[in-house]
């Protein structure tokens, strides 16, 4: 396994990966189509935030996107290709993220979690601190997860 910064020309591949990863949870075609825009990774997303990919055997198996502001970090994306779910790629990306943000003096990491991913974040040490509204569906609430980093 290798973790590295994403390249701008990988935006399309990462968009497809995020769509496949979200669809893994059995969402309807209509739901997935409504989410397409927010699942799209643009070249600007890669150049303006921290995006890391995890590769295995030369193939990208997942990625994590981070938006930083002062001592706060939002995990904007964490997607694993469906054939890699349960194989440790998410955990490896999470641990890499923690190392990166600690070096940047981040104190708080938040995640607007898909309900299906909440157990993963809890296992990684995050706590559910509330809910946030979905940026796609007005009547849908998402778990708001947080990790406080100790200095």
Protein backbone atom coordinates (compact mmCIF):
# COMPACT_ATOMS: atom_id res chain seq x y z
CA UNK A 1 0.00 0.00 0.00
CA UNK A 2 1.13 3.50 -0.82
CA UNK A 3 -0.49 6.80 0.21
CA UNK A 4 0.31 9.92 -1.79
CA UNK A 5 -1.20 13.26 -2.77
CA UNK A 6 -3.79 13.05 -5.52
CA UNK A 7 -2.92 14.42 -8.95
CA UNK A 8 -5.15 16.94 -10.70
CA UNK A 9 -5.63 14.63 -13.68
CA UNK A 10 -7.11 11.96 -11.34
CA UNK A 11 -10.24 14.03 -10.61
CA UNK A 12 -12.43 12.04 -13.01
CA UNK A 13 -11.26 8.70 -11.63
CA UNK A 14 -11.84 9.86 -8.04
CA UNK A 15 -15.33 11.08 -8.97
CA UNK A 16 -16.18 7.67 -10.41
CA UNK A 17 -14.71 5.95 -7.35
CA UNK A 18 -16.78 8.09 -4.96
CA UNK A 19 -19.94 7.29 -6.94
CA UNK A 20 -19.21 3.53 -6.88
CA UNK A 21 -18.40 3.68 -3.19
CA UNK A 22 -21.64 5.49 -2.29
CA UNK A 23 -23.68 3.12 -4.49
CA UNK A 24 -22.22 0.16 -2.58
CA UNK A 25 -24.69 0.89 0.23
CA UNK A 26 -27.70 0.09 -1.96
CA UNK A 27 -29.04 3.58 -2.55
CA UNK A 28 -31.62 3.93 -5.33
CA UNK A 29 -30.67 5.16 -8.79
CA UNK A 30 -32.64 8.38 -8.16
CA UNK A 31 -30.81 8.99 -4.89
CA UNK A 32 -27.45 8.39 -6.53
CA UNK A 33 -28.23 10.69 -9.44
CA UNK A 34 -29.23 13.45 -7.00
CA UNK A 35 -25.86 13.00 -5.25
CA UNK A 36 -23.76 13.03 -8.43
CA UNK A 37 -22.73 16.70 -8.17
CA UNK A 38 -21.57 16.48 -4.55
CA UNK A 39 -19.71 13.25 -5.31
CA UNK A 40 -17.81 14.90 -8.15
CA UNK A 41 -14.17 15.71 -7.47
CA UNK A 42 -12.92 18.60 -9.58
CA UNK A 43 -9.33 19.48 -10.44
CA UNK A 44 -9.88 22.60 -8.30
CA UNK A 45 -10.87 20.41 -5.33
CA UNK A 46 -7.54 18.63 -5.63
CA UNK A 47 -5.49 21.80 -6.01
CA UNK A 48 -7.26 23.82 -3.28
CA UNK A 49 -7.47 21.20 -0.53
CA UNK A 50 -5.51 18.21 0.70
CA UNK A 51 -6.50 15.04 -1.15
CA UNK A 52 -4.64 11.78 -0.61
CA UNK A 53 -5.09 8.50 -2.48
CA UNK A 54 -4.21 5.01 -1.36
CA UNK A 55 -2.84 2.66 -3.99
CA UNK A 56 -2.35 -1.07 -3.90
CA UNK A 57 -0.66 -2.81 -6.77
CA UNK A 58 -0.62 0.45 -8.71
CA UNK A 59 -4.42 0.86 -8.51
CA UNK A 60 -6.15 3.60 -6.52
CA UNK A 61 -8.30 1.89 -3.88
CA UNK A 62 -9.61 4.97 -2.09
CA UNK A 63 -9.08 8.60 -1.20
CA UNK A 64 -9.57 11.15 1.54
CA UNK A 65 -10.15 14.88 1.10
CA UNK A 66 -9.43 17.44 3.81
CA UNK A 67 -10.51 21.06 4.08
CA UNK A 68 -8.37 23.01 6.54
CA UNK A 69 -9.14 26.27 8.29
CA UNK A 70 -6.83 27.37 11.10
CA UNK A 71 -6.91 24.59 13.72
CA UNK A 72 -10.00 22.91 12.24
CA UNK A 73 -10.22 20.16 9.60
CA UNK A 74 -13.29 18.86 7.78
CA UNK A 75 -13.00 15.43 6.17
CA UNK A 76 -14.82 16.32 2.97
CA UNK A 77 -14.41 12.89 1.36
CA UNK A 78 -13.40 9.41 2.42
CA UNK A 79 -14.30 6.83 -0.18
CA UNK A 80 -13.05 3.30 -0.73
CA UNK A 81 -13.60 1.34 -3.94
CA UNK A 82 -16.22 -1.35 -3.21
CA UNK A 83 -13.75 -4.18 -3.88
CA UNK A 84 -11.49 -2.71 -1.18
CA UNK A 85 -14.04 -2.19 1.60
CA UNK A 86 -13.03 -4.09 4.72
CA UNK A 87 -9.41 -4.51 3.63
CA UNK A 88 -7.84 -1.77 5.77
CA UNK A 89 -7.64 1.00 3.17
CA UNK A 90 -10.00 3.30 5.08
CA UNK A 91 -8.12 2.76 8.33
CA UNK A 92 -4.79 3.48 6.60
CA UNK A 93 -6.14 6.70 5.06
CA UNK A 94 -7.61 7.75 8.42
CA UNK A 95 -4.31 7.18 10.23
CA UNK A 96 -2.45 9.08 7.51
CA UNK A 97 -4.90 11.97 7.85
CA UNK A 98 -4.34 12.11 11.60
CA UNK A 99 -0.57 12.29 11.12
CA UNK A 100 -0.92 15.05 8.52
CA UNK A 101 -3.30 17.25 10.53
CA UNK A 102 -1.36 16.86 13.77
CA UNK A 103 1.64 18.27 11.93
CA UNK A 104 -0.51 21.23 10.87
CA UNK A 105 -1.59 22.01 14.46
CA UNK A 106 -5.20 20.96 13.87
CA UNK A 107 -7.17 20.55 17.10
CA UNK A 108 -10.53 19.36 15.77
CA UNK A 109 -11.48 17.04 12.92
CA UNK A 110 -15.13 16.83 11.84
CA UNK A 111 -16.95 14.53 9.46
CA UNK A 112 -20.43 14.84 7.96
CA UNK A 113 -20.85 11.08 7.80
CA UNK A 114 -22.96 8.90 5.58
CA UNK A 115 -25.14 6.93 8.03
CA UNK A 116 -23.59 3.68 6.76
CA UNK A 117 -20.07 4.94 7.59
CA UNK A 118 -20.83 6.07 11.15
CA UNK A 119 -19.64 2.75 12.66
CA UNK A 120 -16.31 3.13 10.86
CA UNK A 121 -15.74 6.61 12.28
CA UNK A 122 -16.72 5.46 15.78
CA UNK A 123 -14.19 2.63 15.47
CA UNK A 124 -11.58 5.22 14.45
CA UNK A 125 -12.18 7.16 17.67
CA UNK A 126 -14.65 9.78 16.48
CA UNK A 127 -17.70 10.69 18.54
CA UNK A 128 -21.12 11.61 17.28
CA UNK A 129 -21.76 15.17 18.45
CA UNK A 130 -25.00 15.86 16.59
CA UNK A 131 -26.47 16.00 13.12
CA UNK A 132 -26.08 18.19 10.06
CA UNK A 133 -28.45 18.71 7.18
CA UNK A 134 -27.62 16.98 3.94
CA UNK A 135 -26.47 19.37 1.24
CA UNK A 136 -28.53 17.34 -1.27
CA UNK A 137 -31.79 16.49 0.51
CA UNK A 138 -33.40 19.11 2.76
CA UNK A 139 -35.18 16.56 4.94
CA UNK A 140 -32.18 14.25 5.44
CA UNK A 141 -29.93 14.49 8.49
CA UNK A 142 -26.39 13.13 8.58
CA UNK A 143 -24.33 12.15 11.62
CA UNK A 144 -21.90 14.89 12.66
CA UNK A 145 -18.76 13.18 13.92
CA UNK A 146 -15.77 14.76 15.65
CA UNK A 147 -12.29 13.92 16.88
CA UNK A 148 -10.51 16.22 19.31
CA UNK A 149 -6.75 15.91 18.90
CA UNK A 150 -4.54 16.02 21.97
CA UNK A 151 -1.37 18.07 21.74
